[in-house]
C-alpha atoms as a PDB file:
ATOM      1  CA  MET A   1       4.203   8.710  -4.537  1.00  0.00           C
ATOM      2  CA  GLU A   2       6.782  11.463  -4.458  1.00  0.00           C
ATOM      3  CA  ALA A   3       5.283  13.196  -7.486  1.00  0.00           C
ATOM      4  CA  ALA A   4       1.717  12.672  -6.279  1.00  0.00           C
ATOM      5  CA  THR A   5       2.440  14.268  -2.918  1.00  0.00           C
ATOM      6  CA  ALA A   6       4.756  17.055  -4.099  1.00  0.00           C
ATOM      7  CA  ALA A   7       2.136  19.799  -3.756  1.00  0.00           C
ATOM      8  CA  ALA A   8       1.314  18.876  -0.143  1.00  0.00           C
ATOM      9  CA  PRO A   9       4.125  16.687   1.240  1.00  0.00           C
ATOM     10  CA  ASP A  10       2.996  17.053   4.852  1.00  0.00           C
ATOM     11  CA  ARG A  11      -0.523  15.742   4.261  1.00  0.00           C
ATOM     12  CA  PRO A  12      -1.212  12.016   4.652  1.00  0.00           C
ATOM     13  CA  VAL A  13      -2.279  10.011   1.607  1.00  0.00           C
ATOM     14  CA  SER A  14      -5.907   8.898   1.892  1.00  0.00           C
ATOM     15  CA  MET A  15      -5.623   5.769  -0.242  1.00  0.00           C
ATOM     16  CA  LEU A  16      -3.102   3.890  -2.345  1.00  0.00           C
ATOM     17  CA  VAL A  17      -4.759   1.782  -5.057  1.00  0.00           C
ATOM     18  CA  GLY A  18      -2.909  -0.587  -7.342  1.00  0.00           C
ATOM     19  CA  GLY A  19      -0.104  -3.082  -7.437  1.00  0.00           C
ATOM     20  CA  LEU A  20       3.155  -2.629  -5.586  1.00  0.00           C
ATOM     21  CA  HIS A  21       5.047  -5.139  -7.775  1.00  0.00           C
ATOM     22  CA  LEU A  22       6.776  -6.749  -4.788  1.00  0.00           C
ATOM     23  CA  LEU A  23       5.950 -10.318  -5.812  1.00  0.00           C
ATOM     24  CA  GLN A  24       9.599 -11.350  -6.203  1.00  0.00           C
ATOM     25  CA  ASP A  25      11.094  -9.131  -3.510  1.00  0.00           C
ATOM     26  CA  SER A  26      12.640 -10.434  -0.315  1.00  0.00           C
ATOM     27  CA  PRO A  27      10.831 -10.097   3.029  1.00  0.00           C
ATOM     28  CA  GLU A  28      13.313  -7.350   3.925  1.00  0.00           C
ATOM     29  CA  GLN A  29      12.523  -5.416   0.747  1.00  0.00           C
ATOM     30  CA  VAL A  30       8.772  -5.764   1.363  1.00  0.00           C
ATOM     31  CA  GLU A  31       9.181  -4.451   4.922  1.00  0.00           C
ATOM     32  CA  ALA A  32      11.361  -1.563   3.765  1.00  0.00           C
ATOM     33  CA  THR A  33       8.809  -0.558   1.125  1.00  0.00           C
ATOM     34  CA  LEU A  34       5.920  -0.715   3.591  1.00  0.00           C
ATOM     35  CA  ASP A  35       7.955   1.299   6.089  1.00  0.00           C
ATOM     36  CA  VAL A  36       8.540   4.060   3.528  1.00  0.00           C
ATOM     37  CA  LEU A  37       4.854   4.111   2.590  1.00  0.00           C
ATOM     38  CA  ALA A  38       3.836   4.321   6.252  1.00  0.00           C
ATOM     39  CA  ASP A  39       6.510   6.726   7.467  1.00  0.00           C
ATOM     40  CA  ASN A  40       6.972   9.050   4.501  1.00  0.00           C
ATOM     41  CA  TYR A  41       3.463   9.135   3.060  1.00  0.00           C
ATOM     42  CA  ARG A  42       1.295   8.089   6.039  1.00  0.00           C
ATOM     43  CA  ILE A  43      -1.084   6.132   3.829  1.00  0.00           C
ATOM     44  CA  ARG A  44      -4.423   5.668   5.580  1.00  0.00           C
ATOM     45  CA  THR A  45      -5.852   2.879   3.400  1.00  0.00           C
ATOM     46  CA  MET A  46      -4.293   0.484   0.910  1.00  0.00           C
ATOM     47  CA  SER A  47      -6.047  -1.462  -1.816  1.00  0.00           C
ATOM     48  CA  ILE A  48      -3.260  -3.396  -3.477  1.00  0.00           C
ATOM     49  CA  GLY A  49      -3.349  -5.722  -6.465  1.00  0.00           C
ATOM     50  CA  HIS A  50      -2.177  -9.281  -7.015  1.00  0.00           C
ATOM     51  CA  CYS A  51       1.269  -8.237  -8.263  1.00  0.00           C
ATOM     52  CA  SER A  52       2.018  -7.018  -4.753  1.00  0.00           C
ATOM     53  CA  GLY A  53       2.474 -10.652  -3.711  1.00  0.00           C
ATOM     54  CA  GLU A  54       1.077 -12.811  -0.917  1.00  0.00           C
ATOM     55  CA  LEU A  55       3.750 -11.745   1.564  1.00  0.00           C
ATOM     56  CA  THR A  56       2.869  -8.101   0.994  1.00  0.00           C
ATOM     57  CA  PHE A  57      -0.862  -8.807   1.432  1.00  0.00           C
ATOM     58  CA  MET A  58      -0.136 -10.582   4.700  1.00  0.00           C
ATOM     59  CA  ARG A  59       2.145  -7.848   6.043  1.00  0.00           C
ATOM     60  CA  VAL A  60      -0.273  -5.046   5.112  1.00  0.00           C
ATOM     61  CA  GLN A  61      -3.087  -6.899   6.884  1.00  0.00           C
ATOM     62  CA  GLN A  62      -0.908  -7.486   9.935  1.00  0.00           C
ATOM     63  CA  ARG A  63      -0.021  -3.805  10.097  1.00  0.00           C
ATOM     64  CA  GLY A  64      -3.656  -2.722  10.092  1.00  0.00           C
ATOM     65  CA  LYS A  65      -6.540  -4.945   9.048  1.00  0.00           C
ATOM     66  CA  ASP A  66      -8.972  -2.023   9.004  1.00  0.00           C
ATOM     67  CA  GLN A  67      -6.659  -0.160   6.615  1.00  0.00           C
ATOM     68  CA  MET A  68      -6.628  -2.882   3.918  1.00  0.00           C
ATOM     69  CA  LEU A  69      -9.195  -3.186   1.147  1.00  0.00           C
ATOM     70  CA  TYR A  70      -9.208  -6.151  -1.211  1.00  0.00           C
ATOM     71  CA  ALA A  71      -8.462  -5.118  -4.812  1.00  0.00           C
ATOM     72  CA  GLY A  72      -9.709  -8.077  -6.812  1.00  0.00           C
ATOM     73  CA  LEU A  73     -11.042  -8.127 -10.348  1.00  0.00           C
ATOM     74  CA  GLY A  74     -14.387  -6.349 -10.472  1.00  0.00           C
ATOM     75  CA  GLU A  75     -14.177  -4.967  -6.920  1.00  0.00           C
ATOM     76  CA  THR A  76     -15.818  -1.665  -6.134  1.00  0.00           C
ATOM     77  CA  ILE A  77     -13.803   0.641  -3.922  1.00  0.00           C
ATOM     78  CA  ALA A  78     -15.638   3.477  -2.190  1.00  0.00           C
ATOM     79  CA  PHE A  79     -13.667   6.647  -1.476  1.00  0.00           C
END
């Protein structure tokens, strides 16, 4: 995220797509990661993969259901 936003660090990120690899992380680590994504990068929409873990899916949905897109196999994501 740091490299992707280097050219315009003050602009929010429209969408994060992919896995966060938080499957084995503690609830505290998941929260800390989501806090950084929200506070530092102001991500508007997230479409995260299965390797993000069920806890992460739940917490992202709780933070903003309208900002979560399902990223399953064969899904189409409109930008």
